[in-house]
Amino acid sequence: MKMTKMSRAIMPGMTNQRGILFGGQMMAWMDEVSGITAKRFTECEVTTVAVEQIKFLAPIPCGVFLDVCGEVVSVGNTSLKVQIEAWMDVSNGESEKVAEGLFVYVALDEHGKPRKVGKTL
């Protein structure tokens, strides 16, 4: 499986004094979803080695529903890249992209050393 999706309802305890989702919370969810995506794809332990980019595209207010989606977009010998996009529900059943990022993982063997991914896209 090369895709993962997590949904969240944005609650008051997740927001700042303006009622907007904390950026650090979004970053944690992005790392969680990208890690699950990488582990599912490689079928082994993985570790984050880099976050190449994170962009916050729009504020995420309290009360909305948010989907954080991860997809493997490239595979190397021992590493892989996972693209993350976050979408919030807006009116009329539409969604708006509110964040995106690119995370790099390394596949690990049972001793915590890099191992061959063994799969291609």
N, C-alpha and C. Protein backbone atom coordinates (compact mmCIF):
# COMPACT_ATOMS: atom_id res chain seq x y z
N MET A 1 0.85 -1.18 0.00
CA MET A 1 0.00 0.00 0.00
C MET A 1 0.89 1.24 0.00
N LYS A 2 0.62 2.17 -0.88
CA LYS A 2 1.45 3.37 -0.95
C LYS A 2 0.73 4.63 -0.51
N MET A 3 -0.52 4.50 0.01
CA MET A 3 -1.27 5.67 0.47
C MET A 3 -1.85 5.42 1.85
N THR A 4 -1.98 6.52 2.62
CA THR A 4 -2.60 6.49 3.93
C THR A 4 -3.40 7.78 4.09
N LYS A 5 -4.54 7.69 4.80
CA LYS A 5 -5.37 8.87 5.05
C LYS A 5 -5.84 8.84 6.49
N MET A 6 -5.74 9.98 7.17
CA MET A 6 -6.21 10.14 8.54
C MET A 6 -7.15 11.34 8.56
N SER A 7 -8.26 11.20 9.28
CA SER A 7 -9.20 12.31 9.41
C SER A 7 -9.24 12.78 10.85
N ARG A 8 -9.39 14.08 11.04
CA ARG A 8 -9.47 14.69 12.37
C ARG A 8 -10.55 15.77 12.37
N ALA A 9 -11.18 15.93 13.53
CA ALA A 9 -12.07 17.07 13.78
C ALA A 9 -11.24 18.06 14.59
N ILE A 10 -11.15 19.30 14.15
CA ILE A 10 -10.35 20.30 14.85
C ILE A 10 -11.14 20.81 16.06
N MET A 11 -10.59 20.57 17.24
CA MET A 11 -11.23 20.88 18.51
C MET A 11 -10.55 22.09 19.16
N PRO A 12 -11.22 22.75 20.11
CA PRO A 12 -10.66 23.95 20.75
C PRO A 12 -9.27 23.73 21.38
N GLY A 13 -9.01 22.57 21.98
CA GLY A 13 -7.72 22.32 22.60
C GLY A 13 -6.56 22.19 21.62
N MET A 14 -6.86 22.12 20.32
CA MET A 14 -5.84 22.00 19.27
C MET A 14 -5.48 23.34 18.65
N THR A 15 -6.14 24.41 19.13
CA THR A 15 -6.01 25.70 18.45
C THR A 15 -5.36 26.75 19.35
N ASN A 16 -4.91 27.83 18.71
CA ASN A 16 -4.34 28.97 19.44
C ASN A 16 -5.45 29.93 19.88
N GLN A 17 -5.07 31.07 20.40
CA GLN A 17 -6.04 32.04 20.91
C GLN A 17 -6.94 32.62 19.82
N ARG A 18 -6.54 32.47 18.56
CA ARG A 18 -7.36 32.94 17.43
C ARG A 18 -8.30 31.86 16.91
N GLY A 19 -8.24 30.66 17.53
CA GLY A 19 -9.09 29.56 17.07
C GLY A 19 -8.57 28.87 15.83
N ILE A 20 -7.25 28.97 15.58
CA ILE A 20 -6.61 28.37 14.42
C ILE A 20 -5.72 27.22 14.89
N LEU A 21 -5.71 26.10 14.16
CA LEU A 21 -4.91 24.93 14.51
C LEU A 21 -3.44 25.31 14.68
N PHE A 22 -2.82 24.81 15.77
CA PHE A 22 -1.39 25.01 15.98
C PHE A 22 -0.61 24.35 14.84
N GLY A 23 0.38 25.07 14.31
CA GLY A 23 1.22 24.52 13.25
C GLY A 23 1.97 23.27 13.69
N GLY A 24 2.42 23.25 14.94
CA GLY A 24 3.13 22.08 15.45
C GLY A 24 2.26 20.83 15.48
N GLN A 25 0.97 21.01 15.74
CA GLN A 25 0.05 19.87 15.71
C GLN A 25 -0.07 19.33 14.29
N MET A 26 -0.18 20.24 13.33
CA MET A 26 -0.25 19.81 11.93
C MET A 26 1.02 19.06 11.54
N MET A 27 2.17 19.58 11.95
CA MET A 27 3.44 18.93 11.63
C MET A 27 3.50 17.52 12.23
N ALA A 28 3.03 17.36 13.47
CA ALA A 28 3.03 16.04 14.10
C ALA A 28 2.15 15.07 13.32
N TRP A 29 0.95 15.51 12.92
CA TRP A 29 0.08 14.64 12.14
C TRP A 29 0.69 14.28 10.80
N MET A 30 1.36 15.24 10.17
CA MET A 30 2.02 14.97 8.89
C MET A 30 3.11 13.92 9.05
N ASP A 31 3.89 14.03 10.12
CA ASP A 31 4.95 13.06 10.38
C ASP A 31 4.35 11.68 10.69
N GLU A 32 3.27 11.66 11.46
CA GLU A 32 2.62 10.39 11.79
C GLU A 32 2.10 9.69 10.54
N VAL A 33 1.37 10.42 9.71
CA VAL A 33 0.80 9.82 8.50
C VAL A 33 1.90 9.40 7.52
N SER A 34 2.93 10.23 7.37
CA SER A 34 4.01 9.85 6.45
C SER A 34 4.76 8.63 6.96
N GLY A 35 4.94 8.51 8.27
CA GLY A 35 5.60 7.34 8.84
C GLY A 35 4.78 6.08 8.64
N ILE A 36 3.48 6.16 8.85
CA ILE A 36 2.60 5.00 8.61
C ILE A 36 2.66 4.61 7.13
N THR A 37 2.62 5.60 6.25
CA THR A 37 2.68 5.34 4.82
C THR A 37 3.98 4.64 4.46
N ALA A 38 5.10 5.14 4.98
CA ALA A 38 6.42 4.54 4.69
C ALA A 38 6.50 3.11 5.23
N LYS A 39 6.03 2.90 6.45
CA LYS A 39 6.11 1.56 7.06
C LYS A 39 5.21 0.57 6.33
N ARG A 40 4.02 0.98 5.94
CA ARG A 40 3.14 0.09 5.18
C ARG A 40 3.77 -0.29 3.85
N PHE A 41 4.38 0.67 3.20
CA PHE A 41 4.97 0.41 1.89
C PHE A 41 6.17 -0.52 2.00
N THR A 42 7.07 -0.25 2.94
CA THR A 42 8.30 -1.04 3.05
C THR A 42 8.10 -2.36 3.78
N GLU A 43 7.05 -2.44 4.60
CA GLU A 43 6.78 -3.61 5.44
C GLU A 43 7.92 -3.89 6.40
N CYS A 44 8.58 -2.80 6.88
CA CYS A 44 9.63 -2.91 7.89
C CYS A 44 9.67 -1.62 8.69
N GLU A 45 10.52 -1.58 9.69
CA GLU A 45 10.68 -0.35 10.46
C GLU A 45 11.29 0.73 9.58
N VAL A 46 10.94 1.98 9.86
CA VAL A 46 11.49 3.12 9.13
C VAL A 46 11.80 4.22 10.13
N THR A 47 12.62 5.16 9.69
CA THR A 47 12.87 6.34 10.50
C THR A 47 12.88 7.58 9.60
N THR A 48 12.39 8.68 10.14
CA THR A 48 12.43 9.95 9.42
C THR A 48 13.87 10.43 9.37
N VAL A 49 14.37 10.76 8.18
CA VAL A 49 15.72 11.30 8.07
C VAL A 49 15.73 12.75 7.60
N ALA A 50 14.62 13.20 7.01
CA ALA A 50 14.56 14.59 6.56
C ALA A 50 13.12 15.00 6.32
N VAL A 51 12.87 16.26 6.52
CA VAL A 51 11.63 16.89 6.08
C VAL A 51 12.10 17.93 5.07
N GLU A 52 11.87 17.65 3.80
CA GLU A 52 12.37 18.54 2.75
C GLU A 52 11.57 19.81 2.64
N GLN A 53 10.28 19.73 3.00
CA GLN A 53 9.47 20.94 2.93
C GLN A 53 8.17 20.74 3.69
N ILE A 54 7.70 21.80 4.29
CA ILE A 54 6.34 21.88 4.81
C ILE A 54 5.82 23.26 4.44
N LYS A 55 4.65 23.30 3.86
CA LYS A 55 4.01 24.58 3.52
C LYS A 55 2.64 24.61 4.16
N PHE A 56 2.35 25.70 4.87
CA PHE A 56 1.02 25.95 5.39
C PHE A 56 0.34 26.90 4.41
N LEU A 57 -0.75 26.46 3.79
CA LEU A 57 -1.35 27.21 2.70
C LEU A 57 -2.56 28.05 3.12
N ALA A 58 -3.21 27.66 4.22
CA ALA A 58 -4.39 28.39 4.69
C ALA A 58 -4.60 28.07 6.17
N PRO A 59 -5.19 29.01 6.93
CA PRO A 59 -5.49 28.73 8.33
C PRO A 59 -6.58 27.66 8.45
N ILE A 60 -6.49 26.86 9.52
CA ILE A 60 -7.43 25.77 9.75
C ILE A 60 -8.19 26.09 11.03
N PRO A 61 -9.45 26.52 10.91
CA PRO A 61 -10.20 26.96 12.08
C PRO A 61 -10.79 25.80 12.90
N CYS A 62 -11.07 26.11 14.14
CA CYS A 62 -11.74 25.17 15.03
C CYS A 62 -13.08 24.76 14.42
N GLY A 63 -13.41 23.49 14.53
CA GLY A 63 -14.71 23.01 14.08
C GLY A 63 -14.73 22.35 12.72
N VAL A 64 -13.65 22.49 11.93
CA VAL A 64 -13.66 21.87 10.60
C VAL A 64 -13.16 20.42 10.69
N PHE A 65 -13.43 19.67 9.64
CA PHE A 65 -12.87 18.33 9.48
C PHE A 65 -11.67 18.43 8.57
N LEU A 66 -10.63 17.66 8.91
CA LEU A 66 -9.36 17.72 8.19
C LEU A 66 -8.95 16.31 7.79
N ASP A 67 -8.50 16.14 6.55
CA ASP A 67 -7.94 14.88 6.07
C ASP A 67 -6.45 15.11 5.79
N VAL A 68 -5.61 14.25 6.36
CA VAL A 68 -4.17 14.28 6.11
C VAL A 68 -3.85 13.03 5.32
N CYS A 69 -3.33 13.21 4.11
CA CYS A 69 -3.12 12.10 3.18
C CYS A 69 -1.64 11.97 2.83
N GLY A 70 -1.13 10.75 2.87
CA GLY A 70 0.25 10.48 2.52
C GLY A 70 0.35 9.52 1.36
N GLU A 71 1.33 9.75 0.48
CA GLU A 71 1.55 8.86 -0.65
C GLU A 71 3.05 8.75 -0.93
N VAL A 72 3.53 7.53 -1.12
CA VAL A 72 4.91 7.31 -1.52
C VAL A 72 5.06 7.83 -2.94
N VAL A 73 6.05 8.73 -3.15
CA VAL A 73 6.22 9.32 -4.48
C VAL A 73 7.55 8.95 -5.13
N SER A 74 8.52 8.45 -4.35
CA SER A 74 9.75 7.94 -4.94
C SER A 74 10.41 6.95 -3.99
N VAL A 75 11.14 6.02 -4.60
CA VAL A 75 11.82 4.97 -3.83
C VAL A 75 13.25 4.87 -4.32
N GLY A 76 14.18 4.90 -3.37
CA GLY A 76 15.59 4.68 -3.68
C GLY A 76 16.01 3.31 -3.21
N ASN A 77 17.31 3.14 -2.98
CA ASN A 77 17.83 1.86 -2.53
C ASN A 77 17.38 1.54 -1.10
N THR A 78 17.63 2.48 -0.18
CA THR A 78 17.24 2.30 1.23
C THR A 78 16.25 3.36 1.71
N SER A 79 15.95 4.32 0.86
CA SER A 79 15.09 5.43 1.29
C SER A 79 13.87 5.57 0.40
N LEU A 80 12.92 6.35 0.89
CA LEU A 80 11.73 6.66 0.12
C LEU A 80 11.22 8.02 0.53
N LYS A 81 10.47 8.65 -0.37
CA LYS A 81 9.88 9.97 -0.10
C LYS A 81 8.37 9.82 -0.06
N VAL A 82 7.78 10.52 0.92
CA VAL A 82 6.34 10.51 1.10
C VAL A 82 5.82 11.94 0.99
N GLN A 83 4.92 12.16 0.05
CA GLN A 83 4.26 13.46 -0.12
C GLN A 83 3.03 13.48 0.78
N ILE A 84 2.87 14.56 1.53
CA ILE A 84 1.73 14.73 2.41
C ILE A 84 0.91 15.93 1.95
N GLU A 85 -0.41 15.75 1.94
CA GLU A 85 -1.32 16.86 1.69
C GLU A 85 -2.40 16.84 2.76
N ALA A 86 -2.78 18.01 3.22
CA ALA A 86 -3.88 18.14 4.19
C ALA A 86 -4.98 18.96 3.55
N TRP A 87 -6.20 18.45 3.67
CA TRP A 87 -7.38 19.07 3.06
C TRP A 87 -8.43 19.28 4.14
N MET A 88 -9.04 20.46 4.17
CA MET A 88 -10.14 20.69 5.10
C MET A 88 -11.44 20.81 4.33
N ASP A 89 -12.52 20.37 4.98
CA ASP A 89 -13.84 20.50 4.39
C ASP A 89 -14.25 21.97 4.40
N VAL A 90 -14.81 22.41 3.29
CA VAL A 90 -15.40 23.74 3.21
C VAL A 90 -16.84 23.55 2.76
N SER A 91 -17.55 24.60 2.51
CA SER A 91 -18.98 24.51 2.20
C SER A 91 -19.27 23.72 0.93
N ASN A 92 -20.48 23.21 0.86
CA ASN A 92 -21.00 22.52 -0.33
C ASN A 92 -20.24 21.25 -0.70
N GLY A 93 -19.67 20.56 0.29
CA GLY A 93 -18.98 19.31 0.03
C GLY A 93 -17.63 19.45 -0.64
N GLU A 94 -17.14 20.67 -0.73
CA GLU A 94 -15.84 20.92 -1.34
C GLU A 94 -14.73 20.83 -0.29
N SER A 95 -13.49 20.63 -0.75
CA SER A 95 -12.32 20.61 0.13
C SER A 95 -11.31 21.62 -0.36
N GLU A 96 -10.50 22.12 0.58
CA GLU A 96 -9.44 23.08 0.26
C GLU A 96 -8.12 22.53 0.80
N LYS A 97 -7.08 22.52 -0.06
CA LYS A 97 -5.76 22.08 0.41
C LYS A 97 -5.19 23.16 1.33
N VAL A 98 -4.81 22.75 2.56
CA VAL A 98 -4.36 23.71 3.56
C VAL A 98 -2.90 23.53 3.97
N ALA A 99 -2.29 22.39 3.61
CA ALA A 99 -0.89 22.16 3.93
C ALA A 99 -0.34 21.06 3.03
N GLU A 100 0.98 21.08 2.86
CA GLU A 100 1.65 20.02 2.11
C GLU A 100 3.08 19.88 2.61
N GLY A 101 3.65 18.72 2.40
CA GLY A 101 5.01 18.48 2.85
C GLY A 101 5.62 17.29 2.13
N LEU A 102 6.95 17.18 2.26
CA LEU A 102 7.68 16.07 1.66
C LEU A 102 8.64 15.53 2.72
N PHE A 103 8.44 14.26 3.08
CA PHE A 103 9.20 13.60 4.14
C PHE A 103 10.05 12.48 3.55
N VAL A 104 11.27 12.32 4.08
CA VAL A 104 12.18 11.28 3.61
C VAL A 104 12.40 10.28 4.74
N TYR A 105 12.27 9.00 4.40
CA TYR A 105 12.44 7.90 5.36
C TYR A 105 13.51 6.95 4.88
N VAL A 106 14.13 6.24 5.84
CA VAL A 106 15.06 5.15 5.54
C VAL A 106 14.47 3.89 6.15
N ALA A 107 14.50 2.81 5.36
CA ALA A 107 14.07 1.50 5.84
C ALA A 107 15.16 0.93 6.75
N LEU A 108 14.74 0.27 7.83
CA LEU A 108 15.69 -0.26 8.82
C LEU A 108 15.55 -1.77 8.97
N ASP A 109 16.69 -2.44 9.19
CA ASP A 109 16.66 -3.87 9.48
C ASP A 109 16.44 -4.08 10.98
N GLU A 110 16.51 -5.32 11.43
CA GLU A 110 16.25 -5.64 12.83
C GLU A 110 17.30 -5.09 13.79
N HIS A 111 18.43 -4.62 13.25
CA HIS A 111 19.49 -4.02 14.08
C HIS A 111 19.48 -2.49 14.00
N GLY A 112 18.48 -1.93 13.33
CA GLY A 112 18.37 -0.49 13.21
C GLY A 112 19.29 0.11 12.16
N LYS A 113 19.80 -0.71 11.26
CA LYS A 113 20.69 -0.27 10.19
C LYS A 113 19.89 -0.16 8.89
N PRO A 114 20.31 0.75 7.99
CA PRO A 114 19.59 0.87 6.71
C PRO A 114 19.56 -0.45 5.96
N ARG A 115 18.42 -0.73 5.36
CA ARG A 115 18.25 -1.94 4.56
C ARG A 115 17.60 -1.58 3.22
N LYS A 116 17.73 -2.44 2.26
CA LYS A 116 17.13 -2.22 0.96
C LYS A 116 15.61 -2.19 1.07
N VAL A 117 14.98 -1.24 0.39
CA VAL A 117 13.52 -1.14 0.42
C VAL A 117 12.89 -2.36 -0.23
N GLY A 118 13.41 -2.79 -1.36
CA GLY A 118 12.93 -4.02 -1.99
C GLY A 118 11.65 -3.89 -2.79
N LYS A 119 11.13 -2.69 -2.94
CA LYS A 119 9.92 -2.44 -3.74
C LYS A 119 10.16 -1.23 -4.63
N THR A 120 9.43 -1.18 -5.71
CA THR A 120 9.44 -0.01 -6.57
C THR A 120 8.00 0.48 -6.72
N LEU A 121 7.86 1.67 -7.24
CA LEU A 121 6.50 2.21 -7.47
C LEU A 121 5.88 1.60 -8.70
